[in-house]
Amino acid sequence: VATAAWGMDNTLSRALAERDPGQVVLVKAALGATVTALLALAFAEPA
């Protein structure tokens, strides 16, 4: 499932390849970290 998700990620990212890679990494990673951290708190995962 992870490989399929990253395959879609890779393909969608193609149109972002002309943008600043550092900015793309920052925005993508910051949003991803925020969403998964909030879900971790909601499901009470151990610290």
PDB file of all heavy atoms in Angstrom:
ATOM      1  N   VAL A   1       0.846  -1.206   0.000  1.00  0.00           N
ATOM      2  CA  VAL A   1       0.000   0.000   0.000  1.00  0.00           C
ATOM      3  C   VAL A   1       0.876   1.249   0.000  1.00  0.00           C
ATOM      4  O   VAL A   1       0.587   2.234  -0.705  1.00  0.00           O
ATOM      5  CB  VAL A   1      -0.943  -0.002   1.220  1.00  0.00           C
ATOM      6  CG1 VAL A   1      -1.653   1.344   1.360  1.00  0.00           C
ATOM      7  CG2 VAL A   1      -1.967  -1.122   1.106  1.00  0.00           C
ATOM      8  N   ALA A   2       1.965   1.228   0.777  1.00  0.00           N
ATOM      9  CA  ALA A   2       2.882   2.373   0.812  1.00  0.00           C
ATOM     10  C   ALA A   2       3.492   2.620  -0.562  1.00  0.00           C
ATOM     11  O   ALA A   2       3.629   3.777  -0.991  1.00  0.00           O
ATOM     12  CB  ALA A   2       3.979   2.135   1.846  1.00  0.00           C
ATOM     13  N   THR A   3       3.861   1.552  -1.279  1.00  0.00           N
ATOM     14  CA  THR A   3       4.465   1.740  -2.602  1.00  0.00           C
ATOM     15  C   THR A   3       3.468   2.362  -3.575  1.00  0.00           C
ATOM     16  O   THR A   3       3.840   3.223  -4.390  1.00  0.00           O
ATOM     17  CB  THR A   3       4.971   0.402  -3.185  1.00  0.00           C
ATOM     18  OG1 THR A   3       3.876  -0.454  -3.481  1.00  0.00           O
ATOM     19  CG2 THR A   3       5.922  -0.284  -2.231  1.00  0.00           C
ATOM     20  N   ALA A   4       2.199   1.934  -3.506  1.00  0.00           N
ATOM     21  CA  ALA A   4       1.184   2.519  -4.385  1.00  0.00           C
ATOM     22  C   ALA A   4       0.969   3.991  -4.052  1.00  0.00           C
ATOM     23  O   ALA A   4       0.840   4.835  -4.951  1.00  0.00           O
ATOM     24  CB  ALA A   4      -0.124   1.738  -4.251  1.00  0.00           C
ATOM     25  N   ALA A   5       0.933   4.319  -2.756  1.00  0.00           N
ATOM     26  CA  ALA A   5       0.749   5.711  -2.349  1.00  0.00           C
ATOM     27  C   ALA A   5       1.916   6.573  -2.810  1.00  0.00           C
ATOM     28  O   ALA A   5       1.727   7.690  -3.315  1.00  0.00           O
ATOM     29  CB  ALA A   5       0.607   5.792  -0.824  1.00  0.00           C
ATOM     30  N   TRP A   6       3.140   6.073  -2.669  1.00  0.00           N
ATOM     31  CA  TRP A   6       4.302   6.842  -3.099  1.00  0.00           C
ATOM     32  C   TRP A   6       4.408   6.901  -4.620  1.00  0.00           C
ATOM     33  O   TRP A   6       4.960   7.859  -5.166  1.00  0.00           O
ATOM     34  CB  TRP A   6       5.571   6.283  -2.468  1.00  0.00           C
ATOM     35  CG  TRP A   6       5.803   6.832  -1.088  1.00  0.00           C
ATOM     36  CD1 TRP A   6       5.542   8.087  -0.656  1.00  0.00           C
ATOM     37  CD2 TRP A   6       6.329   6.130   0.043  1.00  0.00           C
ATOM     38  NE1 TRP A   6       5.869   8.225   0.675  1.00  0.00           N
ATOM     39  CE2 TRP A   6       6.355   7.044   1.121  1.00  0.00           C
ATOM     40  CE3 TRP A   6       6.785   4.831   0.248  1.00  0.00           C
ATOM     41  CZ2 TRP A   6       6.830   6.694   2.379  1.00  0.00           C
ATOM     42  CZ3 TRP A   6       7.245   4.481   1.503  1.00  0.00           C
ATOM     43  CH2 TRP A   6       7.275   5.403   2.559  1.00  0.00           C
ATOM     44  N   GLY A   7       3.890   5.893  -5.316  1.00  0.00           N
ATOM     45  CA  GLY A   7       3.833   5.974  -6.767  1.00  0.00           C
ATOM     46  C   GLY A   7       2.951   7.128  -7.215  1.00  0.00           C
ATOM     47  O   GLY A   7       3.300   7.891  -8.125  1.00  0.00           O
ATOM     48  N   MET A   8       1.794   7.278  -6.566  1.00  0.00           N
ATOM     49  CA  MET A   8       0.916   8.413  -6.865  1.00  0.00           C
ATOM     50  C   MET A   8       1.583   9.725  -6.476  1.00  0.00           C
ATOM     51  O   MET A   8       1.526  10.726  -7.212  1.00  0.00           O
ATOM     52  CB  MET A   8      -0.412   8.248  -6.121  1.00  0.00           C
ATOM     53  CG  MET A   8      -1.391   9.396  -6.342  1.00  0.00           C
ATOM     54  SD  MET A   8      -1.897   9.583  -8.076  1.00  0.00           S
ATOM     55  CE  MET A   8      -3.073   8.223  -8.196  1.00  0.00           C
ATOM     56  N   ASP A   9       2.246   9.736  -5.334  1.00  0.00           N
ATOM     57  CA  ASP A   9       2.980  10.916  -4.880  1.00  0.00           C
ATOM     58  C   ASP A   9       4.032  11.324  -5.909  1.00  0.00           C
ATOM     59  O   ASP A   9       4.135  12.494  -6.300  1.00  0.00           O
ATOM     60  CB  ASP A   9       3.632  10.590  -3.529  1.00  0.00           C
ATOM     61  CG  ASP A   9       4.578  11.677  -3.034  1.00  0.00           C
ATOM     62  OD1 ASP A   9       4.427  12.840  -3.445  1.00  0.00           O
ATOM     63  OD2 ASP A   9       5.467  11.363  -2.232  1.00  0.00           O
ATOM     64  N   ASN A  10       4.824  10.353  -6.378  1.00  0.00           N
ATOM     65  CA  ASN A  10       5.874  10.647  -7.359  1.00  0.00           C
ATOM     66  C   ASN A  10       5.297  11.248  -8.631  1.00  0.00           C
ATOM     67  O   ASN A  10       5.855  12.190  -9.207  1.00  0.00           O
ATOM     68  CB  ASN A  10       6.632   9.370  -7.720  1.00  0.00           C
ATOM     69  CG  ASN A  10       7.376   8.775  -6.553  1.00  0.00           C
ATOM     70  OD1 ASN A  10       7.686   9.461  -5.587  1.00  0.00           O
ATOM     71  ND2 ASN A  10       7.655   7.491  -6.620  1.00  0.00           N
ATOM     72  N   THR A  11       4.186  10.689  -9.085  1.00  0.00           N
ATOM     73  CA  THR A  11       3.592  11.141 -10.343  1.00  0.00           C
ATOM     74  C   THR A  11       3.007  12.542 -10.204  1.00  0.00           C
ATOM     75  O   THR A  11       3.201  13.404 -11.071  1.00  0.00           O
ATOM     76  CB  THR A  11       2.499  10.162 -10.798  1.00  0.00           C
ATOM     77  OG1 THR A  11       3.028   8.833 -10.787  1.00  0.00           O
ATOM     78  CG2 THR A  11       2.032  10.484 -12.205  1.00  0.00           C
ATOM     79  N   LEU A  12       2.309  12.795  -9.106  1.00  0.00           N
ATOM     80  CA  LEU A  12       1.751  14.124  -8.879  1.00  0.00           C
ATOM     81  C   LEU A  12       2.846  15.160  -8.662  1.00  0.00           C
ATOM     82  O   LEU A  12       2.695  16.329  -9.024  1.00  0.00           O
ATOM     83  CB  LEU A  12       0.815  14.096  -7.671  1.00  0.00           C
ATOM     84  CG  LEU A  12      -0.480  13.294  -7.840  1.00  0.00           C
ATOM     85  CD1 LEU A  12      -1.232  13.203  -6.519  1.00  0.00           C
ATOM     86  CD2 LEU A  12      -1.361  13.925  -8.909  1.00  0.00           C
ATOM     87  N   SER A  13       3.975  14.727  -8.079  1.00  0.00           N
ATOM     88  CA  SER A  13       5.078  15.655  -7.812  1.00  0.00           C
ATOM     89  C   SER A  13       5.779  16.101  -9.083  1.00  0.00           C
ATOM     90  O   SER A  13       6.520  17.096  -9.059  1.00  0.00           O
ATOM     91  CB  SER A  13       6.113  14.997  -6.890  1.00  0.00           C
ATOM     92  OG  SER A  13       5.573  14.731  -5.622  1.00  0.00           O
ATOM     93  N   ARG A  14       5.559  15.379 -10.193  1.00  0.00           N
ATOM     94  CA  ARG A  14       6.251  15.723 -11.441  1.00  0.00           C
ATOM     95  C   ARG A  14       6.006  17.175 -11.829  1.00  0.00           C
ATOM     96  O   ARG A  14       6.917  17.881 -12.259  1.00  0.00           O
ATOM     97  CB  ARG A  14       5.786  14.793 -12.571  1.00  0.00           C
ATOM     98  CG  ARG A  14       6.333  15.157 -13.943  1.00  0.00           C
ATOM     99  CD  ARG A  14       7.841  14.998 -13.990  1.00  0.00           C
ATOM    100  NE  ARG A  14       8.407  15.533 -15.225  1.00  0.00           N
ATOM    101  CZ  ARG A  14       8.812  16.776 -15.402  1.00  0.00           C
ATOM    102  NH1 ARG A  14       8.667  17.656 -14.425  1.00  0.00           N
ATOM    103  NH2 ARG A  14       9.336  17.167 -16.536  1.00  0.00           N
ATOM    104  N   ALA A  15       4.774  17.671 -11.656  1.00  0.00           N
ATOM    105  CA  ALA A  15       4.455  19.042 -12.024  1.00  0.00           C
ATOM    106  C   ALA A  15       5.067  20.054 -11.050  1.00  0.00           C
ATOM    107  O   ALA A  15       5.093  21.248 -11.341  1.00  0.00           O
ATOM    108  CB  ALA A  15       2.941  19.229 -12.083  1.00  0.00           C
ATOM    109  N   LEU A  16       5.539  19.583  -9.896  1.00  0.00           N
ATOM    110  CA  LEU A  16       6.175  20.477  -8.918  1.00  0.00           C
ATOM    111  C   LEU A  16       7.691  20.466  -9.046  1.00  0.00           C
ATOM    112  O   LEU A  16       8.374  21.193  -8.329  1.00  0.00           O
ATOM    113  CB  LEU A  16       5.798  20.055  -7.496  1.00  0.00           C
ATOM    114  CG  LEU A  16       4.302  20.039  -7.168  1.00  0.00           C
ATOM    115  CD1 LEU A  16       4.080  19.476  -5.770  1.00  0.00           C
ATOM    116  CD2 LEU A  16       3.709  21.440  -7.274  1.00  0.00           C
ATOM    117  N   ALA A  17       8.217  19.648  -9.973  1.00  0.00           N
ATOM    118  CA  ALA A  17       9.666  19.501 -10.089  1.00  0.00           C
ATOM    119  C   ALA A  17      10.340  20.785 -10.570  1.00  0.00           C
ATOM    120  O   ALA A  17      11.546  20.964 -10.354  1.00  0.00           O
ATOM    121  CB  ALA A  17      10.014  18.351 -11.033  1.00  0.00           C
ATOM    122  N   GLU A  18       9.584  21.685 -11.227  1.00  0.00           N
ATOM    123  CA  GLU A  18      10.167  22.939 -11.694  1.00  0.00           C
ATOM    124  C   GLU A  18      10.189  23.998 -10.600  1.00  0.00           C
ATOM    125  O   GLU A  18      10.779  25.063 -10.774  1.00  0.00           O
ATOM    126  CB  GLU A  18       9.381  23.462 -12.899  1.00  0.00           C
ATOM    127  CG  GLU A  18       9.231  22.463 -14.043  1.00  0.00           C
ATOM    128  CD  GLU A  18      10.562  21.902 -14.509  1.00  0.00           C
ATOM    129  OE1 GLU A  18      11.551  22.657 -14.514  1.00  0.00           O
ATOM    130  OE2 GLU A  18      10.621  20.704 -14.840  1.00  0.00           O
ATOM    131  N   ARG A  19       9.547  23.731  -9.467  1.00  0.00           N
ATOM    132  CA  ARG A  19       9.564  24.673  -8.343  1.00  0.00           C
ATOM    133  C   ARG A  19      10.797  24.417  -7.472  1.00  0.00           C
ATOM    134  O   ARG A  19      11.485  23.412  -7.619  1.00  0.00           O
ATOM    135  CB  ARG A  19       8.299  24.522  -7.500  1.00  0.00           C
ATOM    136  CG  ARG A  19       7.010  24.532  -8.302  1.00  0.00           C
ATOM    137  CD  ARG A  19       6.691  25.908  -8.849  1.00  0.00           C
ATOM    138  NE  ARG A  19       5.346  25.943  -9.406  1.00  0.00           N
ATOM    139  CZ  ARG A  19       5.086  26.123 -10.693  1.00  0.00           C
ATOM    140  NH1 ARG A  19       6.075  26.282 -11.559  1.00  0.00           N
ATOM    141  NH2 ARG A  19       3.841  26.136 -11.127  1.00  0.00           N
ATOM    142  N   ASP A  20      11.058  25.335  -6.544  1.00  0.00           N
ATOM    143  CA  ASP A  20      12.186  25.189  -5.628  1.00  0.00           C
ATOM    144  C   ASP A  20      12.009  23.906  -4.821  1.00  0.00           C
ATOM    145  O   ASP A  20      11.068  23.796  -4.031  1.00  0.00           O
ATOM    146  CB  ASP A  20      12.235  26.404  -4.689  1.00  0.00           C
ATOM    147  CG  ASP A  20      13.324  26.303  -3.648  1.00  0.00           C
ATOM    148  OD1 ASP A  20      14.150  25.370  -3.711  1.00  0.00           O
ATOM    149  OD2 ASP A  20      13.350  27.164  -2.742  1.00  0.00           O
ATOM    150  N   PRO A  21      12.903  22.905  -4.991  1.00  0.00           N
ATOM    151  CA  PRO A  21      12.738  21.641  -4.265  1.00  0.00           C
ATOM    152  C   PRO A  21      12.733  21.822  -2.748  1.00  0.00           C
ATOM    153  O   PRO A  21      12.013  21.124  -2.041  1.00  0.00           O
ATOM    154  CB  PRO A  21      13.953  20.811  -4.716  1.00  0.00           C
ATOM    155  CG  PRO A  21      14.384  21.410  -6.002  1.00  0.00           C
ATOM    156  CD  PRO A  21      14.082  22.873  -5.890  1.00  0.00           C
ATOM    157  N   GLY A  22      13.543  22.759  -2.254  1.00  0.00           N
ATOM    158  CA  GLY A  22      13.556  22.996  -0.816  1.00  0.00           C
ATOM    159  C   GLY A  22      12.214  23.474  -0.309  1.00  0.00           C
ATOM    160  O   GLY A  22      11.740  23.044   0.757  1.00  0.00           O
ATOM    161  N   GLN A  23      11.565  24.350  -1.056  1.00  0.00           N
ATOM    162  CA  GLN A  23      10.251  24.851  -0.657  1.00  0.00           C
ATOM    163  C   GLN A  23       9.200  23.755  -0.732  1.00  0.00           C
ATOM    164  O   GLN A  23       8.339  23.639   0.148  1.00  0.00           O
ATOM    165  CB  GLN A  23       9.852  26.033  -1.547  1.00  0.00           C
ATOM    166  CG  GLN A  23       8.608  26.762  -1.054  1.00  0.00           C
ATOM    167  CD  GLN A  23       8.211  27.911  -1.959  1.00  0.00           C
ATOM    168  OE1 GLN A  23       8.579  27.947  -3.138  1.00  0.00           O
ATOM    169  NE2 GLN A  23       7.454  28.849  -1.426  1.00  0.00           N
ATOM    170  N   VAL A  24       9.268  22.924  -1.779  1.00  0.00           N
ATOM    171  CA  VAL A  24       8.323  21.814  -1.907  1.00  0.00           C
ATOM    172  C   VAL A  24       8.478  20.840  -0.738  1.00  0.00           C
ATOM    173  O   VAL A  24       7.496  20.410  -0.125  1.00  0.00           O
ATOM    174  CB  VAL A  24       8.531  21.076  -3.248  1.00  0.00           C
ATOM    175  CG1 VAL A  24       7.653  19.826  -3.317  1.00  0.00           C
ATOM    176  CG2 VAL A  24       8.227  21.996  -4.423  1.00  0.00           C
ATOM    177  N   VAL A  25       9.725  20.496  -0.414  1.00  0.00           N
ATOM    178  CA  VAL A  25       9.986  19.589   0.710  1.00  0.00           C
ATOM    179  C   VAL A  25       9.458  20.189   2.004  1.00  0.00           C
ATOM    180  O   VAL A  25       8.803  19.502   2.804  1.00  0.00           O
ATOM    181  CB  VAL A  25      11.494  19.293   0.829  1.00  0.00           C
ATOM    182  CG1 VAL A  25      11.786  18.536   2.120  1.00  0.00           C
ATOM    183  CG2 VAL A  25      11.981  18.492  -0.371  1.00  0.00           C
ATOM    184  N   LEU A  26       9.731  21.471   2.234  1.00  0.00           N
ATOM    185  CA  LEU A  26       9.305  22.123   3.472  1.00  0.00           C
ATOM    186  C   LEU A  26       7.791  22.084   3.625  1.00  0.00           C
ATOM    187  O   LEU A  26       7.268  21.685   4.678  1.00  0.00           O
ATOM    188  CB  LEU A  26       9.801  23.565   3.489  1.00  0.00           C
ATOM    189  CG  LEU A  26       9.289  24.446   4.641  1.00  0.00           C
ATOM    190  CD1 LEU A  26       9.695  23.863   5.986  1.00  0.00           C
ATOM    191  CD2 LEU A  26       9.801  25.875   4.489  1.00  0.00           C
ATOM    192  N   VAL A  27       7.066  22.506   2.601  1.00  0.00           N
ATOM    193  CA  VAL A  27       5.605  22.571   2.695  1.00  0.00           C
ATOM    194  C   VAL A  27       5.001  21.178   2.825  1.00  0.00           C
ATOM    195  O   VAL A  27       4.149  20.928   3.696  1.00  0.00           O
ATOM    196  CB  VAL A  27       5.025  23.303   1.470  1.00  0.00           C
ATOM    197  CG1 VAL A  27       3.497  23.253   1.494  1.00  0.00           C
ATOM    198  CG2 VAL A  27       5.507  24.750   1.444  1.00  0.00           C
ATOM    199  N   LYS A  28       5.442  20.251   1.978  1.00  0.00           N
ATOM    200  CA  LYS A  28       4.912  18.890   2.023  1.00  0.00           C
ATOM    201  C   LYS A  28       5.182  18.245   3.375  1.00  0.00           C
ATOM    202  O   LYS A  28       4.277  17.662   4.001  1.00  0.00           O
ATOM    203  CB  LYS A  28       5.536  18.052   0.918  1.00  0.00           C
ATOM    204  CG  LYS A  28       5.188  16.566   0.997  1.00  0.00           C
ATOM    205  CD  LYS A  28       5.936  15.761  -0.045  1.00  0.00           C
ATOM    206  CE  LYS A  28       5.677  14.270   0.116  1.00  0.00           C
ATOM    207  NZ  LYS A  28       6.383  13.457  -0.898  1.00  0.00           N
ATOM    208  N   ALA A  29       6.423  18.336   3.845  1.00  0.00           N
ATOM    209  CA  ALA A  29       6.799  17.671   5.092  1.00  0.00           C
ATOM    210  C   ALA A  29       6.123  18.313   6.299  1.00  0.00           C
ATOM    211  O   ALA A  29       5.670  17.614   7.214  1.00  0.00           O
ATOM    212  CB  ALA A  29       8.312  17.697   5.253  1.00  0.00           C
ATOM    213  N   ALA A  30       6.040  19.645   6.314  1.00  0.00           N
ATOM    214  CA  ALA A  30       5.417  20.322   7.452  1.00  0.00           C
ATOM    215  C   ALA A  30       3.941  19.968   7.564  1.00  0.00           C
ATOM    216  O   ALA A  30       3.427  19.694   8.664  1.00  0.00           O
ATOM    217  CB  ALA A  30       5.601  21.834   7.314  1.00  0.00           C
ATOM    218  N   LEU A  31       3.238  19.945   6.428  1.00  0.00           N
ATOM    219  CA  LEU A  31       1.822  19.568   6.454  1.00  0.00           C
ATOM    220  C   LEU A  31       1.658  18.101   6.841  1.00  0.00           C
ATOM    221  O   LEU A  31       0.777  17.746   7.639  1.00  0.00           O
ATOM    222  CB  LEU A  31       1.186  19.825   5.090  1.00  0.00           C
ATOM    223  CG  LEU A  31       0.989  21.292   4.693  1.00  0.00           C
ATOM    224  CD1 LEU A  31       0.484  21.393   3.260  1.00  0.00           C
ATOM    225  CD2 LEU A  31       0.011  21.969   5.650  1.00  0.00           C
ATOM    226  N   GLY A  32       2.503  17.228   6.285  1.00  0.00           N
ATOM    227  CA  GLY A  32       2.423  15.810   6.617  1.00  0.00           C
ATOM    228  C   GLY A  32       2.697  15.557   8.087  1.00  0.00           C
ATOM    229  O   GLY A  32       1.992  14.763   8.738  1.00  0.00           O
ATOM    230  N   ALA A  33       3.711  16.225   8.646  1.00  0.00           N
ATOM    231  CA  ALA A  33       4.038  16.053  10.064  1.00  0.00           C
ATOM    232  C   ALA A  33       2.902  16.543  10.951  1.00  0.00           C
ATOM    233  O   ALA A  33       2.574  15.921  11.973  1.00  0.00           O
ATOM    234  CB  ALA A  33       5.335  16.794  10.395  1.00  0.00           C
ATOM    235  N   THR A  34       2.288  17.649  10.557  1.00  0.00           N
ATOM    236  CA  THR A  34       1.184  18.203  11.358  1.00  0.00           C
ATOM    237  C   THR A  34      -0.015  17.259  11.375  1.00  0.00           C
ATOM    238  O   THR A  34      -0.586  16.973  12.437  1.00  0.00           O
ATOM    239  CB  THR A  34       0.764  19.576  10.789  1.00  0.00           C
ATOM    240  OG1 THR A  34       1.877  20.471  10.826  1.00  0.00           O
ATOM    241  CG2 THR A  34      -0.385  20.162  11.603  1.00  0.00           C
ATOM    242  N   VAL A  35      -0.388  16.763  10.200  1.00  0.00           N
ATOM    243  CA  VAL A  35      -1.553  15.867  10.113  1.00  0.00           C
ATOM    244  C   VAL A  35      -1.317  14.582  10.901  1.00  0.00           C
ATOM    245  O   VAL A  35      -2.173  14.156  11.706  1.00  0.00           O
ATOM    246  CB  VAL A  35      -1.875  15.546   8.640  1.00  0.00           C
ATOM    247  CG1 VAL A  35      -2.935  14.445   8.551  1.00  0.00           C
ATOM    248  CG2 VAL A  35      -2.345  16.790   7.909  1.00  0.00           C
ATOM    249  N   THR A  36      -0.164  13.945  10.717  1.00  0.00           N
ATOM    250  CA  THR A  36       0.092  12.673  11.397  1.00  0.00           C
ATOM    251  C   THR A  36       0.284  12.872  12.904  1.00  0.00           C
ATOM    252  O   THR A  36      -0.108  12.006  13.702  1.00  0.00           O
ATOM    253  CB  THR A  36       1.321  11.978  10.796  1.00  0.00           C
ATOM    254  OG1 THR A  36       2.405  12.902  10.682  1.00  0.00           O
ATOM    255  CG2 THR A  36       1.003  11.406   9.423  1.00  0.00           C
ATOM    256  N   ALA A  37       0.857  14.007  13.321  1.00  0.00           N
ATOM    257  CA  ALA A  37       1.006  14.271  14.757  1.00  0.00           C
ATOM    258  C   ALA A  37      -0.360  14.444  15.424  1.00  0.00           C
ATOM    259  O   ALA A  37      -0.602  13.926  16.530  1.00  0.00           O
ATOM    260  CB  ALA A  37       1.863  15.515  14.975  1.00  0.00           C
ATOM    261  N   LEU A  38      -1.252  15.170  14.758  1.00  0.00           N
ATOM    262  CA  LEU A  38      -2.600  15.351  15.316  1.00  0.00           C
ATOM    263  C   LEU A  38      -3.349  14.022  15.392  1.00  0.00           C
ATOM    264  O   LEU A  38      -4.051  13.750  16.382  1.00  0.00           O
ATOM    265  CB  LEU A  38      -3.382  16.354  14.464  1.00  0.00           C
ATOM    266  CG  LEU A  38      -2.896  17.814  14.537  1.00  0.00           C
ATOM    267  CD1 LEU A  38      -3.667  18.681  13.541  1.00  0.00           C
ATOM    268  CD2 LEU A  38      -3.067  18.362  15.957  1.00  0.00           C
ATOM    269  N   LEU A  39      -3.190  13.194  14.368  1.00  0.00           N
ATOM    270  CA  LEU A  39      -3.834  11.875  14.393  1.00  0.00           C
ATOM    271  C   LEU A  39      -3.231  10.992  15.483  1.00  0.00           C
ATOM    272  O   LEU A  39      -3.949  10.233  16.150  1.00  0.00           O
ATOM    273  CB  LEU A  39      -3.686  11.196  13.027  1.00  0.00           C
ATOM    274  CG  LEU A  39      -4.524  11.790  11.893  1.00  0.00           C
ATOM    275  CD1 LEU A  39      -4.158  11.147  10.563  1.00  0.00           C
ATOM    276  CD2 LEU A  39      -6.016  11.606  12.173  1.00  0.00           C
ATOM    277  N   ALA A  40      -1.913  11.095  15.690  1.00  0.00           N
ATOM    278  CA  ALA A  40      -1.257  10.314  16.756  1.00  0.00           C
ATOM    279  C   ALA A  40      -1.806  10.707  18.123  1.00  0.00           C
ATOM    280  O   ALA A  40      -2.044   9.846  18.987  1.00  0.00           O
ATOM    281  CB  ALA A  40       0.252  10.523  16.705  1.00  0.00           C
ATOM    282  N   LEU A  41      -2.017  11.996  18.327  1.00  0.00           N
ATOM    283  CA  LEU A  41      -2.598  12.460  19.595  1.00  0.00           C
ATOM    284  C   LEU A  41      -4.039  11.982  19.734  1.00  0.00           C
ATOM    285  O   LEU A  41      -4.470  11.561  20.816  1.00  0.00           O
ATOM    286  CB  LEU A  41      -2.544  13.985  19.656  1.00  0.00           C
ATOM    287  CG  LEU A  41      -1.151  14.606  19.842  1.00  0.00           C
ATOM    288  CD1 LEU A  41      -1.232  16.125  19.719  1.00  0.00           C
ATOM    289  CD2 LEU A  41      -0.573  14.224  21.211  1.00  0.00           C
ATOM    290  N   ALA A  42      -4.788  12.041  18.627  1.00  0.00           N
ATOM    291  CA  ALA A  42      -6.190  11.625  18.675  1.00  0.00           C
ATOM    292  C   ALA A  42      -6.324  10.148  19.006  1.00  0.00           C
ATOM    293  O   ALA A  42      -7.262   9.741  19.711  1.00  0.00           O
ATOM    294  CB  ALA A  42      -6.863  11.934  17.342  1.00  0.00           C
ATOM    295  N   PHE A  43      -5.391   9.322  18.526  1.00  0.00           N
ATOM    296  CA  PHE A  43      -5.438   7.883  18.787  1.00  0.00           C
ATOM    297  C   PHE A  43      -4.604   7.488  20.013  1.00  0.00           C
ATOM    298  O   PHE A  43      -4.434   6.294  20.274  1.00  0.00           O
ATOM    299  CB  PHE A  43      -4.954   7.117  17.558  1.00  0.00           C
ATOM    300  CG  PHE A  43      -5.954   7.064  16.437  1.00  0.00           C
ATOM    301  CD1 PHE A  43      -5.894   7.989  15.401  1.00  0.00           C
ATOM    302  CD2 PHE A  43      -6.961   6.118  16.426  1.00  0.00           C
ATOM    303  CE1 PHE A  43      -6.810   7.951  14.363  1.00  0.00           C
ATOM    304  CE2 PHE A  43      -7.884   6.073  15.399  1.00  0.00           C
ATOM    305  CZ  PHE A  43      -7.821   7.000  14.368  1.00  0.00           C
ATOM    306  N   ALA A  44      -4.107   8.491  20.741  1.00  0.00           N
ATOM    307  CA  ALA A  44      -3.374   8.275  21.991  1.00  0.00           C
ATOM    308  C   ALA A  44      -2.207   7.304  21.840  1.00  0.00           C
ATOM    309  O   ALA A  44      -2.004   6.408  22.667  1.00  0.00           O
ATOM    310  CB  ALA A  44      -4.339   7.786  23.084  1.00  0.00           C
ATOM    311  N   GLU A  45      -1.429   7.466  20.774  1.00  0.00           N
ATOM    312  CA  GLU A  45      -0.243   6.632  20.608  1.00  0.00           C
ATOM    313  C   GLU A  45       0.801   7.010  21.656  1.00  0.00           C
ATOM    314  O   GLU A  45       0.888   8.161  22.073  1.00  0.00           O
ATOM    315  CB  GLU A  45       0.332   6.798  19.197  1.00  0.00           C
ATOM    316  CG  GLU A  45      -0.520   6.179  18.124  1.00  0.00           C
ATOM    317  CD  GLU A  45       0.171   6.152  16.757  1.00  0.00           C
ATOM    318  OE1 GLU A  45       1.210   6.816  16.615  1.00  0.00           O
ATOM    319  OE2 GLU A  45      -0.334   5.465  15.859  1.00  0.00           O
ATOM    320  N   PRO A  46       1.620   6.055  22.101  1.00  0.00           N
ATOM    321  CA  PRO A  46       2.606   6.343  23.156  1.00  0.00           C
ATOM    322  C   PRO A  46       3.661   7.343  22.686  1.00  0.00           C
ATOM    323  O   PRO A  46       4.052   7.355  21.515  1.00  0.00           O
ATOM    324  CB  PRO A  46       3.238   4.973  23.438  1.00  0.00           C
ATOM    325  CG  PRO A  46       2.968   4.160  22.207  1.00  0.00           C
ATOM    326  CD  PRO A  46       1.657   4.640  21.681  1.00  0.00           C
ATOM    327  N   ALA A  47       4.108   8.185  23.607  1.00  0.00           N
ATOM    328  CA  ALA A  47       5.150   9.172  23.291  1.00  0.00           C
ATOM    329  C   ALA A  47       6.490   8.462  23.108  1.00  0.00           C
ATOM    330  O   ALA A  47       6.798   7.501  23.813  1.00  0.00           O
ATOM    331  CB  ALA A  47       5.252  10.200  24.406  1.00  0.00           C
TER     332      ALA A  47
END
